Amino acid sequence: MGGALNRYRVIAWIVGVALAVLVLIGMPLKYAFDEPIVVAVVGTAHGWLYMLYLAATFDLGRRVNWPLKRMLLVMLAGTVPFVSFVAERKVSRELADRQARTPEPVAAG
């Protein structure tokens, strides 16, 4: 689970930053100053990165046995500015608490 969680956390932050740049910088530049380059570049990048976010969320959700509804809600977090940061924090805390409550297996030997 540790690798899947780390992959999810990294891509959640990257997608969140890309979406924030798109909405806070790109959209005002496009519509207020007629400069669409940031939207074209960052929007395309965000789209591709969001696909990685979906895959990482699916992988993590499968490994920790999330119900489908939970997995879909976490996936949707990458589409609303700043919500991916909130979702990442909540998921990380929940899984850290779950791991702390689960006793480690005793090694034979």
C-alpha atoms as a PDB file:
ATOM      1  CA  MET A   1       0.000   0.000   0.000  1.00  0.00           C
ATOM      2  CA  GLY A   2       2.881   2.405   0.717  1.00  0.00           C
ATOM      3  CA  GLY A   3       3.961   2.697  -2.922  1.00  0.00           C
ATOM      4  CA  ALA A   4       0.399   3.144  -4.157  1.00  0.00           C
ATOM      5  CA  LEU A   5      -0.246   5.817  -1.531  1.00  0.00           C
ATOM      6  CA  ASN A   6       2.938   7.690  -2.438  1.00  0.00           C
ATOM      7  CA  ARG A   7       2.076   7.579  -6.151  1.00  0.00           C
ATOM      8  CA  TYR A   8      -1.415   8.852  -5.391  1.00  0.00           C
ATOM      9  CA  ARG A   9      -0.119  11.669  -3.170  1.00  0.00           C
ATOM     10  CA  VAL A  10       2.401  12.875  -5.757  1.00  0.00           C
ATOM     11  CA  ILE A  11      -0.016  12.853  -8.674  1.00  0.00           C
ATOM     12  CA  ALA A  12      -2.782  14.452  -6.570  1.00  0.00           C
ATOM     13  CA  TRP A  13      -0.494  17.394  -5.826  1.00  0.00           C
ATOM     14  CA  ILE A  14       0.679  17.695  -9.426  1.00  0.00           C
ATOM     15  CA  VAL A  15      -2.885  17.612 -10.753  1.00  0.00           C
ATOM     16  CA  GLY A  16      -3.984  20.103  -8.089  1.00  0.00           C
ATOM     17  CA  VAL A  17      -1.214  22.552  -8.941  1.00  0.00           C
ATOM     18  CA  ALA A  18      -1.854  22.204 -12.687  1.00  0.00           C
ATOM     19  CA  LEU A  19      -5.572  22.848 -12.193  1.00  0.00           C
ATOM     20  CA  ALA A  20      -4.883  25.849  -9.953  1.00  0.00           C
ATOM     21  CA  VAL A  21      -2.510  27.327 -12.548  1.00  0.00           C
ATOM     22  CA  LEU A  22      -5.076  26.694 -15.257  1.00  0.00           C
ATOM     23  CA  VAL A  23      -7.928  28.335 -13.356  1.00  0.00           C
ATOM     24  CA  LEU A  24      -6.077  31.151 -11.562  1.00  0.00           C
ATOM     25  CA  ILE A  25      -3.587  32.143 -14.257  1.00  0.00           C
ATOM     26  CA  GLY A  26      -4.550  30.576 -17.564  1.00  0.00           C
ATOM     27  CA  MET A  27      -8.243  31.443 -17.641  1.00  0.00           C
ATOM     28  CA  PRO A  28      -7.785  35.126 -16.695  1.00  0.00           C
ATOM     29  CA  LEU A  29      -5.013  35.457 -19.285  1.00  0.00           C
ATOM     30  CA  LYS A  30      -7.180  33.875 -21.949  1.00  0.00           C
ATOM     31  CA  TYR A  31     -10.377  35.781 -21.311  1.00  0.00           C
ATOM     32  CA  ALA A  32      -9.111  39.116 -19.969  1.00  0.00           C
ATOM     33  CA  PHE A  33      -5.962  39.544 -22.078  1.00  0.00           C
ATOM     34  CA  ASP A  34      -6.655  37.280 -25.080  1.00  0.00           C
ATOM     35  CA  GLU A  35      -3.571  35.133 -24.338  1.00  0.00           C
ATOM     36  CA  PRO A  36      -4.657  31.488 -24.688  1.00  0.00           C
ATOM     37  CA  ILE A  37      -1.187  29.881 -24.543  1.00  0.00           C
ATOM     38  CA  VAL A  38      -1.295  28.977 -20.830  1.00  0.00           C
ATOM     39  CA  VAL A  39      -4.714  27.358 -21.223  1.00  0.00           C
ATOM     40  CA  ALA A  40      -3.526  25.449 -24.286  1.00  0.00           C
ATOM     41  CA  VAL A  41      -0.379  24.109 -22.629  1.00  0.00           C
ATOM     42  CA  VAL A  42      -1.482  23.649 -19.026  1.00  0.00           C
ATOM     43  CA  GLY A  43      -4.968  22.488 -19.999  1.00  0.00           C
ATOM     44  CA  THR A  44      -3.545  19.732 -22.181  1.00  0.00           C
ATOM     45  CA  ALA A  45      -1.022  18.762 -19.513  1.00  0.00           C
ATOM     46  CA  HIS A  46      -3.735  18.681 -16.864  1.00  0.00           C
ATOM     47  CA  GLY A  47      -5.846  16.408 -19.047  1.00  0.00           C
ATOM     48  CA  TRP A  48      -3.047  13.875 -19.453  1.00  0.00           C
ATOM     49  CA  LEU A  49      -2.008  14.126 -15.813  1.00  0.00           C
ATOM     50  CA  TYR A  50      -5.612  13.635 -14.737  1.00  0.00           C
ATOM     51  CA  MET A  51      -5.568  10.262 -16.505  1.00  0.00           C
ATOM     52  CA  LEU A  52      -2.577   9.294 -14.350  1.00  0.00           C
ATOM     53  CA  TYR A  53      -4.466  10.568 -11.298  1.00  0.00           C
ATOM     54  CA  LEU A  54      -7.403   8.319 -12.176  1.00  0.00           C
ATOM     55  CA  ALA A  55      -5.119   5.314 -12.558  1.00  0.00           C
ATOM     56  CA  ALA A  56      -3.299   6.039  -9.272  1.00  0.00           C
ATOM     57  CA  THR A  57      -6.597   6.529  -7.435  1.00  0.00           C
ATOM     58  CA  PHE A  58      -7.992   3.298  -8.853  1.00  0.00           C
ATOM     59  CA  ASP A  59      -4.840   1.411  -7.872  1.00  0.00           C
ATOM     60  CA  LEU A  60      -4.905   2.781  -4.327  1.00  0.00           C
ATOM     61  CA  GLY A  61      -8.641   2.237  -3.952  1.00  0.00           C
ATOM     62  CA  ARG A  62      -8.318  -1.372  -5.087  1.00  0.00           C
ATOM     63  CA  ARG A  63      -5.472  -2.057  -2.673  1.00  0.00           C
ATOM     64  CA  VAL A  64      -7.295  -0.617   0.355  1.00  0.00           C
ATOM     65  CA  ASN A  65     -10.710  -2.025  -0.622  1.00  0.00           C
ATOM     66  CA  TRP A  66     -12.600   1.233  -1.035  1.00  0.00           C
ATOM     67  CA  PRO A  67     -16.205   0.936  -2.157  1.00  0.00           C
ATOM     68  CA  LEU A  68     -16.844   2.155  -5.711  1.00  0.00           C
ATOM     69  CA  LYS A  69     -18.606   5.317  -4.501  1.00  0.00           C
ATOM     70  CA  ARG A  70     -15.597   6.347  -2.394  1.00  0.00           C
ATOM     71  CA  MET A  71     -13.209   5.697  -5.263  1.00  0.00           C
ATOM     72  CA  LEU A  72     -15.320   7.780  -7.657  1.00  0.00           C
ATOM     73  CA  LEU A  73     -15.530  10.685  -5.206  1.00  0.00           C
ATOM     74  CA  VAL A  74     -11.752  10.729  -4.769  1.00  0.00           C
ATOM     75  CA  MET A  75     -11.364  10.571  -8.547  1.00  0.00           C
ATOM     76  CA  LEU A  76     -13.678  13.561  -8.981  1.00  0.00           C
ATOM     77  CA  ALA A  77     -11.541  15.565  -6.555  1.00  0.00           C
ATOM     78  CA  GLY A  78      -9.077  16.200  -9.392  1.00  0.00           C
ATOM     79  CA  THR A  79     -11.679  18.169 -11.335  1.00  0.00           C
ATOM     80  CA  VAL A  80     -12.425  20.903  -8.781  1.00  0.00           C
ATOM     81  CA  PRO A  81      -9.711  23.446  -7.961  1.00  0.00           C
ATOM     82  CA  PHE A  82      -8.044  22.818  -4.583  1.00  0.00           C
ATOM     83  CA  VAL A  83     -10.242  19.804  -3.739  1.00  0.00           C
ATOM     84  CA  SER A  84      -7.498  17.369  -4.757  1.00  0.00           C
ATOM     85  CA  PHE A  85      -5.351  18.826  -1.955  1.00  0.00           C
ATOM     86  CA  VAL A  86      -8.142  18.291   0.580  1.00  0.00           C
ATOM     87  CA  ALA A  87      -8.842  14.778  -0.673  1.00  0.00           C
ATOM     88  CA  GLU A  88      -5.148  13.857  -0.609  1.00  0.00           C
ATOM     89  CA  ARG A  89      -4.795  15.027   2.971  1.00  0.00           C
ATOM     90  CA  LYS A  90      -7.921  13.189   4.089  1.00  0.00           C
ATOM     91  CA  VAL A  91      -6.933   9.961   2.324  1.00  0.00           C
ATOM     92  CA  SER A  92      -3.379  10.111   3.703  1.00  0.00           C
ATOM     93  CA  ARG A  93      -4.572  10.652   7.275  1.00  0.00           C
ATOM     94  CA  GLU A  94      -7.193   7.928   7.033  1.00  0.00           C
ATOM     95  CA  LEU A  95      -4.739   5.372   5.681  1.00  0.00           C
ATOM     96  CA  ALA A  96      -2.061   6.343   8.211  1.00  0.00           C
ATOM     97  CA  ASP A  97      -4.604   5.843  11.013  1.00  0.00           C
ATOM     98  CA  ARG A  98      -5.669   2.510   9.526  1.00  0.00           C
ATOM     99  CA  GLN A  99      -2.062   1.361   9.291  1.00  0.00           C
ATOM    100  CA  ALA A 100      -1.364   2.439  12.889  1.00  0.00           C
ATOM    101  CA  ARG A 101      -4.330   0.366  14.129  1.00  0.00           C
ATOM    102  CA  THR A 102      -3.317  -2.739  12.161  1.00  0.00           C
ATOM    103  CA  PRO A 103      -0.706  -4.821  13.985  1.00  0.00           C
ATOM    104  CA  GLU A 104       2.346  -5.779  11.975  1.00  0.00           C
ATOM    105  CA  PRO A 105       2.774  -9.479  11.217  1.00  0.00           C
ATOM    106  CA  VAL A 106       5.371 -11.276  13.303  1.00  0.00           C
ATOM    107  CA  ALA A 107       8.342 -12.423  11.242  1.00  0.00           C
ATOM    108  CA  ALA A 108       9.166 -16.113  11.477  1.00  0.00           C
ATOM    109  CA  GLY A 109      12.669 -17.016  12.088  1.00  0.00           C
END
